[in-house]
Amino acid sequence: TRSLTITSVDQSVFEKAQGEKVTLPCTFELLEEDEGPLDIEWVFIPADNPEKEQVIIMYAVDRIYNRYNPAEMGRVQFTNPYPRSGDGSLDIMNLKAADTGTYQCKVKKVPGVQSKKIQLTVLVKPAGTKCSIEGSQETGKDVTLKCASREGSPLLSYDWRRVSGTQELSATSMLNKNTGELLLKNVSQEDSGVYNCVASNRVGTDECSIELNVTPQTVSTAGIVAGAIIGTLL
């Protein structure tokens, strides 16, 4: 008969943004039959390295041990400073992407041993988003506006809009929300203006702007094109 019972039946899957705080629940009940010393241990299994299981905090012999990983110093603590009261929940502050993985709470008190696993995913907001232009900014040419974020958890989505002039994209424009590329075909001077790109995911947004300045084709370029057409006809 199991005398020790983990009573927290809260969610076992958490999704948080980088920099936030999370509380992973692990409450338990002891009975009179549990006579041995109480041990509470939290183990972390990184999502990118399932073979690397590491203890991050422990309560044993009425003491808390939390100096296992320098990267977690000051960020990991028991929610209740007295876990023996029946609350072995874990607080993680200032979450980082590397905190993504499986957390296991193990509660031991002879003859009882119980454990609970919790999945945590830390999402990174888009950041460092930059806009650029590819192609010649001359009338009649095809121009591609590019948008890319330096940081951000997938799936990132990009959206372009005009913030000057008609504020509407041309009917012939083609937007790829996954790559952040906006293709403007056969541009005219009416396409000139400021364009804004917004990168987004489930935890935030970031944006950038760029100015497109479409100019008439240079005389030399137009002459070359005209000459080539005449030569072909001849």
C-alpha atoms as a PDB file:
ATOM      1  CA  THR A   1       0.000   0.000   0.000  1.00  0.00           C
ATOM      2  CA  ARG A   2       1.344   3.416  -0.949  1.00  0.00           C
ATOM      3  CA  SER A   3       1.440   5.671   2.071  1.00  0.00           C
ATOM      4  CA  LEU A   4       3.085   8.689   0.429  1.00  0.00           C
ATOM      5  CA  THR A   5       0.973  10.456  -2.212  1.00  0.00           C
ATOM      6  CA  ILE A   6       1.728  13.357  -4.555  1.00  0.00           C
ATOM      7  CA  THR A   7      -1.500  15.328  -4.495  1.00  0.00           C
ATOM      8  CA  SER A   8      -0.865  18.068  -7.085  1.00  0.00           C
ATOM      9  CA  VAL A   9      -2.993  17.263 -10.101  1.00  0.00           C
ATOM     10  CA  ASP A  10      -2.439  20.620 -11.801  1.00  0.00           C
ATOM     11  CA  GLN A  11      -1.307  20.925 -15.388  1.00  0.00           C
ATOM     12  CA  SER A  12       1.784  18.958 -16.328  1.00  0.00           C
ATOM     13  CA  VAL A  13       2.656  21.033 -19.430  1.00  0.00           C
ATOM     14  CA  PHE A  14       3.777  24.668 -19.128  1.00  0.00           C
ATOM     15  CA  GLU A  15       4.597  27.243 -21.800  1.00  0.00           C
ATOM     16  CA  LYS A  16       6.256  30.498 -20.743  1.00  0.00           C
ATOM     17  CA  ALA A  17       8.136  33.393 -22.302  1.00  0.00           C
ATOM     18  CA  GLN A  18      11.823  33.997 -21.713  1.00  0.00           C
ATOM     19  CA  GLY A  19      12.368  36.228 -18.672  1.00  0.00           C
ATOM     20  CA  GLU A  20       9.148  35.184 -16.941  1.00  0.00           C
ATOM     21  CA  LYS A  21       8.709  33.100 -13.782  1.00  0.00           C
ATOM     22  CA  VAL A  22       7.095  29.676 -13.492  1.00  0.00           C
ATOM     23  CA  THR A  23       5.954  27.575 -10.530  1.00  0.00           C
ATOM     24  CA  LEU A  24       6.046  23.817 -11.111  1.00  0.00           C
ATOM     25  CA  PRO A  25       3.599  22.167  -8.654  1.00  0.00           C
ATOM     26  CA  CYS A  26       4.546  19.243  -6.417  1.00  0.00           C
ATOM     27  CA  THR A  27       2.467  18.922  -3.252  1.00  0.00           C
ATOM     28  CA  PHE A  28       2.268  15.703  -1.264  1.00  0.00           C
ATOM     29  CA  GLU A  29       0.740  14.006   1.778  1.00  0.00           C
ATOM     30  CA  LEU A  30       2.486  11.833   4.356  1.00  0.00           C
ATOM     31  CA  LEU A  31       0.886   9.229   6.611  1.00  0.00           C
ATOM     32  CA  GLU A  32       1.958   7.855   9.966  1.00  0.00           C
ATOM     33  CA  GLU A  33       3.529   4.836   8.291  1.00  0.00           C
ATOM     34  CA  ASP A  34       6.149   7.091   6.678  1.00  0.00           C
ATOM     35  CA  GLU A  35       8.875   6.971   9.273  1.00  0.00           C
ATOM     36  CA  GLY A  36      12.109   7.539   7.354  1.00  0.00           C
ATOM     37  CA  PRO A  37      13.784  10.889   6.590  1.00  0.00           C
ATOM     38  CA  LEU A  38      12.033  13.093   4.027  1.00  0.00           C
ATOM     39  CA  ASP A  39      13.870  13.693   0.739  1.00  0.00           C
ATOM     40  CA  ILE A  40      12.571  15.947  -2.056  1.00  0.00           C
ATOM     41  CA  GLU A  41      14.559  16.089  -5.272  1.00  0.00           C
ATOM     42  CA  TRP A  42      13.987  17.988  -8.508  1.00  0.00           C
ATOM     43  CA  VAL A  43      15.694  16.578 -11.608  1.00  0.00           C
ATOM     44  CA  PHE A  44      16.017  18.358 -14.966  1.00  0.00           C
ATOM     45  CA  ILE A  45      16.256  16.591 -18.334  1.00  0.00           C
ATOM     46  CA  PRO A  46      17.130  19.098 -21.130  1.00  0.00           C
ATOM     47  CA  ALA A  47      15.010  18.899 -24.282  1.00  0.00           C
ATOM     48  CA  ASP A  48      18.116  19.018 -26.478  1.00  0.00           C
ATOM     49  CA  ASN A  49      19.980  16.340 -24.500  1.00  0.00           C
ATOM     50  CA  PRO A  50      17.611  13.692 -23.033  1.00  0.00           C
ATOM     51  CA  GLU A  51      20.566  11.618 -21.785  1.00  0.00           C
ATOM     52  CA  LYS A  52      21.768  14.413 -19.501  1.00  0.00           C
ATOM     53  CA  GLU A  53      19.754  14.132 -16.280  1.00  0.00           C
ATOM     54  CA  GLN A  54      20.821  16.544 -13.541  1.00  0.00           C
ATOM     55  CA  VAL A  55      19.695  17.373 -10.010  1.00  0.00           C
ATOM     56  CA  ILE A  56      18.881  21.088  -9.687  1.00  0.00           C
ATOM     57  CA  ILE A  57      17.654  21.316  -6.079  1.00  0.00           C
ATOM     58  CA  MET A  58      17.178  18.973  -3.126  1.00  0.00           C
ATOM     59  CA  TYR A  59      15.693  18.959   0.355  1.00  0.00           C
ATOM     60  CA  ALA A  60      17.222  16.410   2.736  1.00  0.00           C
ATOM     61  CA  VAL A  61      17.770  16.192   6.503  1.00  0.00           C
ATOM     62  CA  ASP A  62      15.964  19.523   6.956  1.00  0.00           C
ATOM     63  CA  ARG A  63      18.356  21.331   4.631  1.00  0.00           C
ATOM     64  CA  ILE A  64      18.046  22.733   1.097  1.00  0.00           C
ATOM     65  CA  TYR A  65      20.820  22.048  -1.412  1.00  0.00           C
ATOM     66  CA  ASN A  66      20.738  24.123  -4.604  1.00  0.00           C
ATOM     67  CA  ARG A  67      24.326  24.653  -5.704  1.00  0.00           C
ATOM     68  CA  TYR A  68      24.369  22.072  -8.471  1.00  0.00           C
ATOM     69  CA  ASN A  69      24.417  24.226 -11.616  1.00  0.00           C
ATOM     70  CA  PRO A  70      26.054  27.687 -11.799  1.00  0.00           C
ATOM     71  CA  ALA A  71      23.654  28.693 -14.614  1.00  0.00           C
ATOM     72  CA  GLU A  72      20.721  28.291 -12.229  1.00  0.00           C
ATOM     73  CA  MET A  73      22.222  30.009  -9.174  1.00  0.00           C
ATOM     74  CA  GLY A  74      19.715  32.478  -7.748  1.00  0.00           C
ATOM     75  CA  ARG A  75      17.006  31.453 -10.217  1.00  0.00           C
ATOM     76  CA  VAL A  76      15.782  28.175  -8.677  1.00  0.00           C
ATOM     77  CA  GLN A  77      14.113  27.773  -5.288  1.00  0.00           C
ATOM     78  CA  PHE A  78      11.420  25.838  -3.457  1.00  0.00           C
ATOM     79  CA  THR A  79       8.137  27.755  -3.484  1.00  0.00           C
ATOM     80  CA  ASN A  80       7.736  26.989   0.216  1.00  0.00           C
ATOM     81  CA  PRO A  81      10.900  27.544   2.286  1.00  0.00           C
ATOM     82  CA  TYR A  82       9.733  24.642   4.480  1.00  0.00           C
ATOM     83  CA  PRO A  83       9.018  21.823   1.986  1.00  0.00           C
ATOM     84  CA  ARG A  84       8.397  19.318   4.779  1.00  0.00           C
ATOM     85  CA  SER A  85       4.993  21.006   5.225  1.00  0.00           C
ATOM     86  CA  GLY A  86       3.837  19.120   2.145  1.00  0.00           C
ATOM     87  CA  ASP A  87       4.713  21.596  -0.586  1.00  0.00           C
ATOM     88  CA  GLY A  88       7.755  20.718  -2.678  1.00  0.00           C
ATOM     89  CA  SER A  89       6.781  22.967  -5.613  1.00  0.00           C
ATOM     90  CA  LEU A  90       9.579  24.632  -7.575  1.00  0.00           C
ATOM     91  CA  ASP A  91      10.002  28.269  -8.646  1.00  0.00           C
ATOM     92  CA  ILE A  92      12.221  29.152 -11.621  1.00  0.00           C
ATOM     93  CA  MET A  93      12.829  32.868 -12.170  1.00  0.00           C
ATOM     94  CA  ASN A  94      14.111  34.759 -15.215  1.00  0.00           C
ATOM     95  CA  LEU A  95      13.457  31.819 -17.536  1.00  0.00           C
ATOM     96  CA  LYS A  96      15.891  31.077 -20.339  1.00  0.00           C
ATOM     97  CA  ALA A  97      15.481  29.059 -23.536  1.00  0.00           C
ATOM     98  CA  ALA A  98      17.899  26.480 -22.089  1.00  0.00           C
ATOM     99  CA  ASP A  99      15.369  25.781 -19.303  1.00  0.00           C
ATOM    100  CA  THR A 100      13.151  23.966 -21.816  1.00  0.00           C
ATOM    101  CA  GLY A 101      12.822  20.284 -20.945  1.00  0.00           C
ATOM    102  CA  THR A 102      11.351  17.778 -18.488  1.00  0.00           C
ATOM    103  CA  TYR A 103      11.300  18.381 -14.734  1.00  0.00           C
ATOM    104  CA  GLN A 104      10.741  15.513 -12.316  1.00  0.00           C
ATOM    105  CA  CYS A 105       9.793  15.920  -8.678  1.00  0.00           C
ATOM    106  CA  LYS A 106      10.789  12.923  -6.525  1.00  0.00           C
ATOM    107  CA  VAL A 107       9.462  12.639  -2.969  1.00  0.00           C
ATOM    108  CA  LYS A 108      10.883   9.886  -0.733  1.00  0.00           C
ATOM    109  CA  LYS A 109      10.013   8.902   2.807  1.00  0.00           C
ATOM    110  CA  VAL A 110      10.352   5.223   3.643  1.00  0.00           C
ATOM    111  CA  PRO A 111       8.445   3.194   2.718  1.00  0.00           C
ATOM    112  CA  GLY A 112       6.910   5.666   0.234  1.00  0.00           C
ATOM    113  CA  VAL A 113       8.501   6.870  -3.017  1.00  0.00           C
ATOM    114  CA  GLN A 114       6.545   8.937  -5.552  1.00  0.00           C
ATOM    115  CA  SER A 115       7.436  11.123  -8.531  1.00  0.00           C
ATOM    116  CA  LYS A 116       5.802  13.453 -11.028  1.00  0.00           C
ATOM    117  CA  LYS A 117       7.052  14.742 -14.424  1.00  0.00           C
ATOM    118  CA  ILE A 118       6.317  18.190 -15.850  1.00  0.00           C
ATOM    119  CA  GLN A 119       7.105  19.518 -19.329  1.00  0.00           C
ATOM    120  CA  LEU A 120       8.301  23.124 -19.629  1.00  0.00           C
ATOM    121  CA  THR A 121       8.774  25.026 -22.882  1.00  0.00           C
ATOM    122  CA  VAL A 122      10.396  28.472 -22.775  1.00  0.00           C
ATOM    123  CA  LEU A 123       9.568  30.582 -25.827  1.00  0.00           C
ATOM    124  CA  VAL A 124      11.702  33.504 -26.987  1.00  0.00           C
ATOM    125  CA  LYS A 125      10.014  36.660 -28.250  1.00  0.00           C
ATOM    126  CA  PRO A 126      11.121  37.992 -31.658  1.00  0.00           C
ATOM    127  CA  ALA A 127      14.023  40.425 -31.354  1.00  0.00           C
ATOM    128  CA  GLY A 128      16.618  42.127 -33.513  1.00  0.00           C
ATOM    129  CA  THR A 129      14.264  42.292 -36.503  1.00  0.00           C
ATOM    130  CA  LYS A 130      15.832  43.954 -39.558  1.00  0.00           C
ATOM    131  CA  CYS A 131      14.422  45.040 -42.914  1.00  0.00           C
ATOM    132  CA  SER A 132      16.340  45.132 -46.199  1.00  0.00           C
ATOM    133  CA  ILE A 133      15.754  45.606 -49.939  1.00  0.00           C
ATOM    134  CA  GLU A 134      16.968  43.290 -52.687  1.00  0.00           C
ATOM    135  CA  GLY A 135      16.856  44.347 -56.327  1.00  0.00           C
ATOM    136  CA  SER A 136      17.101  47.532 -58.333  1.00  0.00           C
ATOM    137  CA  GLN A 137      14.704  50.268 -57.219  1.00  0.00           C
ATOM    138  CA  GLU A 138      13.871  51.328 -60.784  1.00  0.00           C
ATOM    139  CA  THR A 139      10.498  51.400 -62.499  1.00  0.00           C
ATOM    140  CA  GLY A 140       9.591  48.140 -64.180  1.00  0.00           C
ATOM    141  CA  LYS A 141      11.909  46.058 -61.988  1.00  0.00           C
ATOM    142  CA  ASP A 142      11.033  43.396 -59.422  1.00  0.00           C
ATOM    143  CA  VAL A 143      11.986  44.296 -55.853  1.00  0.00           C
ATOM    144  CA  THR A 144      12.005  42.051 -52.782  1.00  0.00           C
ATOM    145  CA  LEU A 145      11.584  43.483 -49.288  1.00  0.00           C
ATOM    146  CA  LYS A 146      13.170  41.170 -46.717  1.00  0.00           C
ATOM    147  CA  CYS A 147      12.475  40.875 -43.001  1.00  0.00           C
ATOM    148  CA  ALA A 148      14.262  38.605 -40.502  1.00  0.00           C
ATOM    149  CA  SER A 149      14.503  38.381 -36.704  1.00  0.00           C
ATOM    150  CA  ARG A 150      17.790  37.556 -34.995  1.00  0.00           C
ATOM    151  CA  GLU A 151      15.929  35.801 -32.163  1.00  0.00           C
ATOM    152  CA  GLY A 152      12.547  34.195 -31.740  1.00  0.00           C
ATOM    153  CA  SER A 153      11.068  30.773 -31.130  1.00  0.00           C
ATOM    154  CA  PRO A 154       9.308  29.077 -34.037  1.00  0.00           C
ATOM    155  CA  LEU A 155       6.909  29.351 -35.546  1.00  0.00           C
ATOM    156  CA  LEU A 156       7.686  32.972 -36.464  1.00  0.00           C
ATOM    157  CA  SER A 157       5.267  34.770 -38.759  1.00  0.00           C
ATOM    158  CA  TYR A 158       6.060  37.921 -40.737  1.00  0.00           C
ATOM    159  CA  ASP A 159       3.598  40.487 -42.047  1.00  0.00           C
ATOM    160  CA  TRP A 160       4.259  43.548 -44.226  1.00  0.00           C
ATOM    161  CA  ARG A 161       2.194  46.713 -44.637  1.00  0.00           C
ATOM    162  CA  ARG A 162       2.629  50.180 -46.071  1.00  0.00           C
ATOM    163  CA  VAL A 163       2.680  53.053 -43.610  1.00  0.00           C
ATOM    164  CA  SER A 164       2.624  55.840 -46.188  1.00  0.00           C
ATOM    165  CA  GLY A 165       0.775  56.614 -49.390  1.00  0.00           C
ATOM    166  CA  THR A 166      -2.239  54.380 -50.008  1.00  0.00           C
ATOM    167  CA  GLN A 167      -1.215  52.126 -47.086  1.00  0.00           C
ATOM    168  CA  GLU A 168      -2.198  49.131 -49.202  1.00  0.00           C
ATOM    169  CA  LEU A 169       0.124  46.644 -50.860  1.00  0.00           C
ATOM    170  CA  SER A 170      -0.059  46.477 -54.636  1.00  0.00           C
ATOM    171  CA  ALA A 171      -2.320  43.798 -56.088  1.00  0.00           C
ATOM    172  CA  THR A 172       0.647  42.052 -57.722  1.00  0.00           C
ATOM    173  CA  SER A 173       2.695  41.822 -54.497  1.00  0.00           C
ATOM    174  CA  MET A 174       3.442  38.362 -53.080  1.00  0.00           C
ATOM    175  CA  LEU A 175       4.027  37.844 -49.338  1.00  0.00           C
ATOM    176  CA  ASN A 176       5.673  34.791 -47.762  1.00  0.00           C
ATOM    177  CA  LYS A 177       4.746  34.934 -44.067  1.00  0.00           C
ATOM    178  CA  ASN A 178       7.245  32.193 -43.180  1.00  0.00           C
ATOM    179  CA  THR A 179      10.354  33.735 -44.768  1.00  0.00           C
ATOM    180  CA  GLY A 180       9.405  37.395 -44.345  1.00  0.00           C
ATOM    181  CA  GLU A 181       9.889  38.169 -48.051  1.00  0.00           C
ATOM    182  CA  LEU A 182       7.566  40.545 -49.879  1.00  0.00           C
ATOM    183  CA  LEU A 183       7.950  40.467 -53.672  1.00  0.00           C
ATOM    184  CA  LEU A 184       6.862  43.619 -55.497  1.00  0.00           C
ATOM    185  CA  LYS A 185       6.626  42.944 -59.226  1.00  0.00           C
ATOM    186  CA  ASN A 186       7.075  45.556 -61.960  1.00  0.00           C
ATOM    187  CA  VAL A 187       7.349  48.419 -59.476  1.00  0.00           C
ATOM    188  CA  SER A 188       6.303  51.954 -60.302  1.00  0.00           C
ATOM    189  CA  GLN A 189       6.926  55.236 -58.554  1.00  0.00           C
ATOM    190  CA  GLU A 190       3.527  54.833 -56.877  1.00  0.00           C
ATOM    191  CA  ASP A 191       5.024  51.911 -54.933  1.00  0.00           C
ATOM    192  CA  SER A 192       7.477  54.270 -53.230  1.00  0.00           C
ATOM    193  CA  GLY A 193       7.004  54.801 -49.520  1.00  0.00           C
ATOM    194  CA  VAL A 194       7.723  53.428 -46.075  1.00  0.00           C
ATOM    195  CA  TYR A 195       7.018  49.746 -45.461  1.00  0.00           C
ATOM    196  CA  ASN A 196       6.717  48.154 -42.025  1.00  0.00           C
ATOM    197  CA  CYS A 197       7.316  44.498 -41.125  1.00  0.00           C
ATOM    198  CA  VAL A 198       5.990  42.865 -37.944  1.00  0.00           C
ATOM    199  CA  ALA A 199       7.504  39.575 -36.742  1.00  0.00           C
ATOM    200  CA  SER A 200       5.384  37.631 -34.264  1.00  0.00           C
ATOM    201  CA  ASN A 201       5.006  34.379 -32.365  1.00  0.00           C
ATOM    202  CA  ARG A 202       2.840  33.250 -29.445  1.00  0.00           C
ATOM    203  CA  VAL A 203       4.688  35.357 -26.863  1.00  0.00           C
ATOM    204  CA  GLY A 204       5.450  38.662 -28.555  1.00  0.00           C
ATOM    205  CA  THR A 205       6.190  40.865 -31.557  1.00  0.00           C
ATOM    206  CA  ASP A 206       9.022  42.940 -32.979  1.00  0.00           C
ATOM    207  CA  GLU A 207       9.146  45.174 -36.031  1.00  0.00           C
ATOM    208  CA  CYS A 208      11.246  47.196 -38.428  1.00  0.00           C
ATOM    209  CA  SER A 209      10.639  49.701 -41.228  1.00  0.00           C
ATOM    210  CA  ILE A 210      12.332  50.570 -44.506  1.00  0.00           C
ATOM    211  CA  GLU A 211      11.802  53.137 -47.248  1.00  0.00           C
ATOM    212  CA  LEU A 212      11.399  52.130 -50.877  1.00  0.00           C
ATOM    213  CA  ASN A 213      12.287  54.869 -53.360  1.00  0.00           C
ATOM    214  CA  VAL A 214      11.406  53.829 -56.921  1.00  0.00           C
ATOM    215  CA  THR A 215      13.080  56.001 -59.571  1.00  0.00           C
ATOM    216  CA  PRO A 216      12.768  56.102 -63.370  1.00  0.00           C
ATOM    217  CA  GLN A 217      15.216  53.939 -65.281  1.00  0.00           C
ATOM    218  CA  THR A 218      18.432  55.754 -66.113  1.00  0.00           C
ATOM    219  CA  VAL A 219      18.957  56.971 -69.679  1.00  0.00           C
ATOM    220  CA  SER A 220      21.800  54.541 -70.247  1.00  0.00           C
ATOM    221  CA  THR A 221      19.729  51.594 -69.086  1.00  0.00           C
ATOM    222  CA  ALA A 222      16.719  52.618 -71.162  1.00  0.00           C
ATOM    223  CA  GLY A 223      18.973  53.151 -74.196  1.00  0.00           C
ATOM    224  CA  ILE A 224      20.502  49.714 -73.853  1.00  0.00           C
ATOM    225  CA  VAL A 225      17.065  48.103 -73.609  1.00  0.00           C
ATOM    226  CA  ALA A 226      15.741  50.082 -76.590  1.00  0.00           C
ATOM    227  CA  GLY A 227      18.849  49.277 -78.615  1.00  0.00           C
ATOM    228  CA  ALA A 228      18.509  45.610 -77.857  1.00  0.00           C
ATOM    229  CA  ILE A 229      14.857  45.623 -79.004  1.00  0.00           C
ATOM    230  CA  ILE A 230      15.675  47.471 -82.256  1.00  0.00           C
ATOM    231  CA  GLY A 231      18.608  45.160 -82.921  1.00  0.00           C
ATOM    232  CA  THR A 232      16.375  42.135 -82.456  1.00  0.00           C
ATOM    233  CA  LEU A 233      13.766  43.529 -84.865  1.00  0.00           C
ATOM    234  CA  LEU A 234      16.388  44.253 -87.497  1.00  0.00           C
END
